[in-house]
Amino acid sequence: MPKLEQFKYDFISVISHELRTPLAIIKEGISLILDEIPGKINSDQKEILIMSKNNVNRLAKSVDDMLITAKMKKKIKKFKKEKRDE
């Protein structure tokens, strides 16, 4: 794999990991508040938290999709190289 391609893959992998961890913590925090673990919330607060949780989920899915796409591209390039070498 060319150095630039490897760099892009590594970069996406690192960024994905660095985004996934805080997103998981944010999502869990929102869930705890929605479950009213620290105390009661009103309907306006609940609505805002549900929107926030949905957006965190959407962002997490985008990060996962980005990583999956990078992995697929890496495997396709490796497969094409192996086919050429045959």
Foldseek 3Di string as FASTA:
>chain_A
DDPVLVVVLVVLVVVLVVLLVVLVVLLVVLVCVLVQVVHDDDPVVNVVSVVVNVVSVVVNVVSVVSNVVSVVVVVVVVVVVVVVVD
